[in-house]
C-alpha atoms as a PDB file:
ATOM      1  CA  MET A   1      56.707 101.995  70.218  1.00  0.00           C
ATOM      2  CA  ALA A   2      60.452 101.927  70.695  1.00  0.00           C
ATOM      3  CA  VAL A   3      61.922 100.394  73.824  1.00  0.00           C
ATOM      4  CA  ARG A   4      63.518 103.738  74.710  1.00  0.00           C
ATOM      5  CA  SER A   5      60.064 105.357  74.699  1.00  0.00           C
ATOM      6  CA  LEU A   6      58.696 102.604  76.920  1.00  0.00           C
ATOM      7  CA  LEU A   7      61.534 103.109  79.382  1.00  0.00           C
ATOM      8  CA  ALA A   8      60.843 106.846  79.410  1.00  0.00           C
ATOM      9  CA  LEU A   9      57.145 106.175  79.914  1.00  0.00           C
ATOM     10  CA  ALA A  10      57.979 103.880  82.825  1.00  0.00           C
ATOM     11  CA  ALA A  11      60.136 106.562  84.421  1.00  0.00           C
ATOM     12  CA  VAL A  12      57.423 109.201  84.037  1.00  0.00           C
ATOM     13  CA  CYS A  13      54.605 106.978  85.266  1.00  0.00           C
ATOM     14  CA  GLY A  14      56.372 105.850  88.421  1.00  0.00           C
ATOM     15  CA  LEU A  15      53.620 103.272  88.875  1.00  0.00           C
ATOM     16  CA  ALA A  16      53.778 101.042  91.934  1.00  0.00           C
ATOM     17  CA  GLY A  17      53.713  97.300  91.345  1.00  0.00           C
ATOM     18  CA  ALA A  18      53.699  94.184  93.459  1.00  0.00           C
ATOM     19  CA  ALA A  19      55.996  94.698  96.431  1.00  0.00           C
ATOM     20  CA  GLN A  20      55.615  91.707  98.729  1.00  0.00           C
ATOM     21  CA  ALA A  21      57.198  88.324  98.120  1.00  0.00           C
ATOM     22  CA  SER A  22      54.930  85.426  97.231  1.00  0.00           C
ATOM     23  CA  PRO A  23      55.267  81.740  96.503  1.00  0.00           C
ATOM     24  CA  VAL A  24      56.605  81.048  93.029  1.00  0.00           C
ATOM     25  CA  LEU A  25      55.124  78.753  90.432  1.00  0.00           C
ATOM     26  CA  THR A  26      57.165  75.596  89.998  1.00  0.00           C
ATOM     27  CA  ILE A  27      57.218  73.120  87.154  1.00  0.00           C
ATOM     28  CA  GLY A  28      56.292  69.491  87.637  1.00  0.00           C
ATOM     29  CA  ASP A  29      55.937  66.947  84.846  1.00  0.00           C
ATOM     30  CA  PRO A  30      56.518  67.837  81.194  1.00  0.00           C
ATOM     31  CA  ALA A  31      53.309  68.953  79.483  1.00  0.00           C
ATOM     32  CA  PRO A  32      52.268  68.475  75.872  1.00  0.00           C
ATOM     33  CA  PRO A  33      53.179  71.542  73.824  1.00  0.00           C
ATOM     34  CA  ILE A  34      50.439  73.615  72.248  1.00  0.00           C
ATOM     35  CA  THR A  35      50.192  72.818  68.523  1.00  0.00           C
ATOM     36  CA  ALA A  36      49.972  76.498  67.554  1.00  0.00           C
ATOM     37  CA  TRP A  37      53.081  77.196  69.682  1.00  0.00           C
ATOM     38  CA  LYS A  38      55.002  74.531  67.745  1.00  0.00           C
ATOM     39  CA  ALA A  39      53.971  76.162  64.448  1.00  0.00           C
ATOM     40  CA  PHE A  40      54.957  79.600  65.779  1.00  0.00           C
ATOM     41  CA  CYS A  41      58.344  78.261  66.928  1.00  0.00           C
ATOM     42  CA  ALA A  42      58.979  76.695  63.524  1.00  0.00           C
ATOM     43  CA  LYS A  43      58.589  80.171  61.985  1.00  0.00           C
ATOM     44  CA  ASN A  44      60.296  82.033  64.858  1.00  0.00           C
ATOM     45  CA  PRO A  45      62.869  79.671  66.408  1.00  0.00           C
ATOM     46  CA  ALA A  46      64.636  82.409  68.385  1.00  0.00           C
ATOM     47  CA  GLU A  47      61.382  83.013  70.292  1.00  0.00           C
ATOM     48  CA  CYS A  48      61.340  79.478  71.643  1.00  0.00           C
ATOM     49  CA  GLN A  49      64.969  78.523  72.127  1.00  0.00           C
ATOM     50  CA  VAL A  50      66.257  78.442  75.684  1.00  0.00           C
ATOM     51  CA  ASP A  51      69.543  80.247  76.243  1.00  0.00           C
ATOM     52  CA  ARG A  52      70.884  78.629  79.403  1.00  0.00           C
ATOM     53  CA  SER A  53      73.400  81.447  79.820  1.00  0.00           C
ATOM     54  CA  GLU A  54      70.501  83.813  80.573  1.00  0.00           C
ATOM     55  CA  ALA A  55      69.182  84.279  84.090  1.00  0.00           C
ATOM     56  CA  GLU A  56      66.088  82.271  85.072  1.00  0.00           C
ATOM     57  CA  VAL A  57      64.875  85.073  87.334  1.00  0.00           C
ATOM     58  CA  VAL A  58      65.369  88.825  87.396  1.00  0.00           C
ATOM     59  CA  ALA A  59      65.678  91.230  90.311  1.00  0.00           C
ATOM     60  CA  GLU A  60      62.306  92.681  91.273  1.00  0.00           C
ATOM     61  CA  THR A  61      63.315  96.327  91.420  1.00  0.00           C
ATOM     62  CA  PRO A  62      61.176  99.476  91.239  1.00  0.00           C
ATOM     63  CA  GLU A  63      62.608 100.044  87.759  1.00  0.00           C
ATOM     64  CA  LEU A  64      61.532  96.588  86.615  1.00  0.00           C
ATOM     65  CA  LEU A  65      58.037  97.088  88.021  1.00  0.00           C
ATOM     66  CA  ASP A  66      57.748 100.436  86.243  1.00  0.00           C
ATOM     67  CA  LEU A  67      58.865  98.856  82.967  1.00  0.00           C
ATOM     68  CA  LEU A  68      56.380  95.976  83.326  1.00  0.00           C
ATOM     69  CA  ASP A  69      53.555  98.401  84.076  1.00  0.00           C
ATOM     70  CA  ALA A  70      54.452 100.555  81.064  1.00  0.00           C
ATOM     71  CA  VAL A  71      54.745  97.655  78.601  1.00  0.00           C
ATOM     72  CA  ASN A  72      51.596  95.932  79.868  1.00  0.00           C
ATOM     73  CA  ALA A  73      49.565  99.151  79.641  1.00  0.00           C
ATOM     74  CA  HIS A  74      50.948 100.157  76.232  1.00  0.00           C
ATOM     75  CA  VAL A  75      50.280  96.802  74.563  1.00  0.00           C
ATOM     76  CA  ASN A  76      46.859  96.409  76.190  1.00  0.00           C
ATOM     77  CA  ARG A  77      45.933  99.887  74.991  1.00  0.00           C
ATOM     78  CA  THR A  78      47.208  99.513  71.417  1.00  0.00           C
ATOM     79  CA  VAL A  79      46.230  95.938  70.478  1.00  0.00           C
ATOM     80  CA  THR A  80      42.562  95.161  69.905  1.00  0.00           C
ATOM     81  CA  PRO A  81      41.579  91.726  71.262  1.00  0.00           C
ATOM     82  CA  ILE A  82      40.100  89.387  68.648  1.00  0.00           C
ATOM     83  CA  THR A  83      39.798  85.606  68.621  1.00  0.00           C
ATOM     84  CA  ASP A  84      41.795  83.535  66.159  1.00  0.00           C
ATOM     85  CA  LYS A  85      38.491  82.213  64.797  1.00  0.00           C
ATOM     86  CA  ASP A  86      37.311  85.731  63.971  1.00  0.00           C
ATOM     87  CA  ARG A  87      40.699  86.889  62.720  1.00  0.00           C
ATOM     88  CA  TRP A  88      42.098  83.862  60.879  1.00  0.00           C
ATOM     89  CA  GLY A  89      39.225  81.376  60.720  1.00  0.00           C
ATOM     90  CA  VAL A  90      41.133  78.847  62.848  1.00  0.00           C
ATOM     91  CA  VAL A  91      40.823  77.756  66.465  1.00  0.00           C
ATOM     92  CA  ASP A  92      44.363  78.631  67.517  1.00  0.00           C
ATOM     93  CA  ARG A  93      47.219  80.489  65.833  1.00  0.00           C
ATOM     94  CA  TRP A  94      50.159  82.207  67.516  1.00  0.00           C
ATOM     95  CA  ASP A  95      51.564  85.293  65.827  1.00  0.00           C
ATOM     96  CA  TYR A  96      52.554  88.870  66.505  1.00  0.00           C
ATOM     97  CA  PRO A  97      49.691  91.372  66.345  1.00  0.00           C
ATOM     98  CA  VAL A  98      51.420  93.370  63.587  1.00  0.00           C
ATOM     99  CA  ASP A  99      48.105  94.809  62.378  1.00  0.00           C
ATOM    100  CA  GLY A 100      47.075  95.916  65.878  1.00  0.00           C
ATOM    101  CA  LYS A 101      44.793  92.913  66.448  1.00  0.00           C
ATOM    102  CA  GLY A 102      45.404  89.642  68.261  1.00  0.00           C
ATOM    103  CA  ASP A 103      44.262  87.242  70.912  1.00  0.00           C
ATOM    104  CA  CYS A 104      45.763  86.609  74.332  1.00  0.00           C
ATOM    105  CA  GLU A 105      48.914  84.761  73.314  1.00  0.00           C
ATOM    106  CA  ASP A 106      49.653  87.190  70.454  1.00  0.00           C
ATOM    107  CA  ILE A 107      49.430  90.071  72.918  1.00  0.00           C
ATOM    108  CA  GLN A 108      51.744  88.328  75.404  1.00  0.00           C
ATOM    109  CA  LEU A 109      54.279  87.577  72.642  1.00  0.00           C
ATOM    110  CA  LEU A 110      54.440  91.279  71.805  1.00  0.00           C
ATOM    111  CA  LYS A 111      54.945  92.190  75.458  1.00  0.00           C
ATOM    112  CA  ARG A 112      57.746  89.654  75.706  1.00  0.00           C
ATOM    113  CA  ARG A 113      59.374  91.051  72.565  1.00  0.00           C
ATOM    114  CA  TYR A 114      59.375  94.589  74.007  1.00  0.00           C
ATOM    115  CA  LEU A 115      60.722  93.397  77.349  1.00  0.00           C
ATOM    116  CA  ALA A 116      63.443  91.313  75.688  1.00  0.00           C
ATOM    117  CA  GLU A 117      64.471  94.395  73.686  1.00  0.00           C
ATOM    118  CA  ALA A 118      64.709  96.237  77.010  1.00  0.00           C
ATOM    119  CA  GLY A 119      67.133  93.591  78.299  1.00  0.00           C
ATOM    120  CA  ILE A 120      64.907  91.192  80.243  1.00  0.00           C
ATOM    121  CA  PRO A 121      66.049  87.601  79.547  1.00  0.00           C
ATOM    122  CA  ARG A 122      63.518  85.518  77.615  1.00  0.00           C
ATOM    123  CA  ARG A 123      64.314  82.623  79.936  1.00  0.00           C
ATOM    124  CA  ALA A 124      62.653  84.574  82.773  1.00  0.00           C
ATOM    125  CA  MET A 125      59.498  85.271  80.714  1.00  0.00           C
ATOM    126  CA  PRO A 126      57.527  82.091  79.946  1.00  0.00           C
ATOM    127  CA  ILE A 127      54.135  82.229  78.285  1.00  0.00           C
ATOM    128  CA  THR A 128      51.713  80.549  80.707  1.00  0.00           C
ATOM    129  CA  VAL A 129      48.342  78.878  80.125  1.00  0.00           C
ATOM    130  CA  VAL A 130      45.666  79.379  82.746  1.00  0.00           C
ATOM    131  CA  ILE A 131      41.966  78.688  83.197  1.00  0.00           C
ATOM    132  CA  ASP A 132      40.225  82.045  83.471  1.00  0.00           C
ATOM    133  CA  GLU A 133      37.177  83.171  85.425  1.00  0.00           C
ATOM    134  CA  ALA A 134      34.885  81.859  82.654  1.00  0.00           C
ATOM    135  CA  GLY A 135      36.495  78.403  82.755  1.00  0.00           C
ATOM    136  CA  GLU A 136      38.266  78.912  79.417  1.00  0.00           C
ATOM    137  CA  GLY A 137      41.901  78.619  78.396  1.00  0.00           C
ATOM    138  CA  HIS A 138      43.800  81.898  78.441  1.00  0.00           C
ATOM    139  CA  ALA A 139      47.452  82.891  77.975  1.00  0.00           C
ATOM    140  CA  VAL A 140      49.390  85.303  80.196  1.00  0.00           C
ATOM    141  CA  LEU A 141      53.036  86.301  80.407  1.00  0.00           C
ATOM    142  CA  THR A 142      54.885  85.312  83.577  1.00  0.00           C
ATOM    143  CA  ILE A 143      57.866  87.359  84.707  1.00  0.00           C
ATOM    144  CA  ARG A 144      59.973  85.284  87.099  1.00  0.00           C
ATOM    145  CA  THR A 145      61.619  87.516  89.697  1.00  0.00           C
ATOM    146  CA  ASP A 146      63.646  86.887  92.817  1.00  0.00           C
ATOM    147  CA  LYS A 147      60.574  87.747  94.922  1.00  0.00           C
ATOM    148  CA  SER A 148      57.574  86.435  93.003  1.00  0.00           C
ATOM    149  CA  ASP A 149      56.124  85.378  89.690  1.00  0.00           C
ATOM    150  CA  LEU A 150      54.404  88.409  88.174  1.00  0.00           C
ATOM    151  CA  ILE A 151      51.629  88.171  85.592  1.00  0.00           C
ATOM    152  CA  LEU A 152      51.098  90.446  82.599  1.00  0.00           C
ATOM    153  CA  ASP A 153      47.607  89.988  81.207  1.00  0.00           C
ATOM    154  CA  ASN A 154      45.602  91.602  78.422  1.00  0.00           C
ATOM    155  CA  LYS A 155      42.485  91.504  80.633  1.00  0.00           C
ATOM    156  CA  THR A 156      43.904  93.983  83.146  1.00  0.00           C
ATOM    157  CA  TYR A 157      46.313  96.894  83.286  1.00  0.00           C
ATOM    158  CA  ALA A 158      47.467  95.785  86.735  1.00  0.00           C
ATOM    159  CA  VAL A 159      50.613  93.663  86.915  1.00  0.00           C
ATOM    160  CA  LYS A 160      49.803  91.121  89.621  1.00  0.00           C
ATOM    161  CA  ARG A 161      51.528  88.349  91.484  1.00  0.00           C
ATOM    162  CA  TRP A 162      50.275  84.999  90.212  1.00  0.00           C
ATOM    163  CA  ASP A 163      48.576  84.270  93.544  1.00  0.00           C
ATOM    164  CA  GLU A 164      46.642  87.558  93.333  1.00  0.00           C
ATOM    165  CA  THR A 165      44.896  86.549  90.115  1.00  0.00           C
ATOM    166  CA  SER A 166      41.683  84.564  89.950  1.00  0.00           C
ATOM    167  CA  TYR A 167      43.254  82.065  87.538  1.00  0.00           C
ATOM    168  CA  ALA A 168      43.987  78.364  87.836  1.00  0.00           C
ATOM    169  CA  PHE A 169      47.514  77.870  86.479  1.00  0.00           C
ATOM    170  CA  VAL A 170      47.892  74.901  84.146  1.00  0.00           C
ATOM    171  CA  LYS A 171      51.209  74.908  82.292  1.00  0.00           C
ATOM    172  CA  ARG A 172      53.911  77.161  80.925  1.00  0.00           C
ATOM    173  CA  GLU A 173      56.937  77.168  78.702  1.00  0.00           C
ATOM    174  CA  ALA A 174      59.665  75.293  80.527  1.00  0.00           C
ATOM    175  CA  GLU A 175      63.008  73.607  80.125  1.00  0.00           C
ATOM    176  CA  THR A 176      61.536  70.153  79.586  1.00  0.00           C
ATOM    177  CA  PRO A 177      61.869  67.795  76.609  1.00  0.00           C
ATOM    178  CA  THR A 178      58.492  69.075  75.322  1.00  0.00           C
ATOM    179  CA  GLY A 179      59.221  72.757  75.941  1.00  0.00           C
ATOM    180  CA  TRP A 180      56.268  72.953  78.366  1.00  0.00           C
ATOM    181  CA  GLY A 181      55.675  71.875  81.955  1.00  0.00           C
ATOM    182  CA  PHE A 182      52.650  71.529  84.213  1.00  0.00           C
ATOM    183  CA  VAL A 183      52.737  73.898  87.145  1.00  0.00           C
ATOM    184  CA  GLU A 184      52.976  72.149  90.514  1.00  0.00           C
ATOM    185  CA  GLU A 185      49.709  73.633  91.786  1.00  0.00           C
ATOM    186  CA  LEU A 186      47.767  71.741  89.119  1.00  0.00           C
ATOM    187  CA  PRO A 187      49.622  68.465  88.532  1.00  0.00           C
ATOM    188  CA  ASP A 188      46.549  66.786  87.034  1.00  0.00           C
ATOM    189  CA  ALA A 189      45.443  69.805  84.990  1.00  0.00           C
ATOM    190  CA  PRO A 190      43.681  69.184  81.681  1.00  0.00           C
ATOM    191  CA  VAL A 191      45.406  70.018  78.426  1.00  0.00           C
ATOM    192  CA  VAL A 192      43.808  73.219  77.146  1.00  0.00           C
ATOM    193  CA  THR A 193      44.232  75.591  74.253  1.00  0.00           C
ATOM    194  CA  ALA A 194      44.384  79.288  74.961  1.00  0.00           C
ATOM    195  CA  LYS A 195      41.214  80.502  73.240  1.00  0.00           C
ATOM    196  CA  GLY A 196      40.221  83.862  74.631  1.00  0.00           C
ATOM    197  CA  PRO A 197      41.295  87.215  73.224  1.00  0.00           C
END
C-alpha cells in the first residue's frame, strides 16, 4: 500500500492513540547485536545506518498517532505471521515479508519502511527486543516521541506506550559501537533472539 494511501487511511480513521506522557526507555551498556540483524544489515545497509542529522525523537501529534495506528493495523492485517523455522528452515532470519508472510521482526521492518517513506526519521524508530507474555523473545518497533516511547506490535492493533505493554524490555537498536544497547530497565537482561511470529 502506498504511503499516500496510508496517510489518507489515517485521516479517515481518526483513531485515538496514547495521549499521556510516560517515562522513556533509555539505553545503558552496549548489547551484542543479533546475528540475523547483522546479516540483514549486510544486505540492506541503509536500513541500519544511523543518520545523525535526523531527529532522535518526533513530536507526538494527533497526526502522528493516526499514522502509527494506520500503519500498524494495515501491516498486521496484511502480513501472515509465520516463524522463520516454518518459513525458511532456520531459527532466525530478518527480511521483508514481500510474499505476505513473516515473523515479528520482518513485520516491524515493513512498518518502519512505510513510516520512513511517510517522513518519520529512522533514527527515531529502533527495532526493540522484548520478552513476551510466554517468556519468549519477540521484536517490536519503538517510536521515540517527545512524550513517550510508543510500541507497534504484530500481536495487537493498539499502539501502546512501552509501559502499558506486558513486556520486559531487553535491548534495542542504538547508537553504540555494536549497534544495539540494553535498555536501562533491564541492565542484566539475557541475550535473546526474537523467535515468535
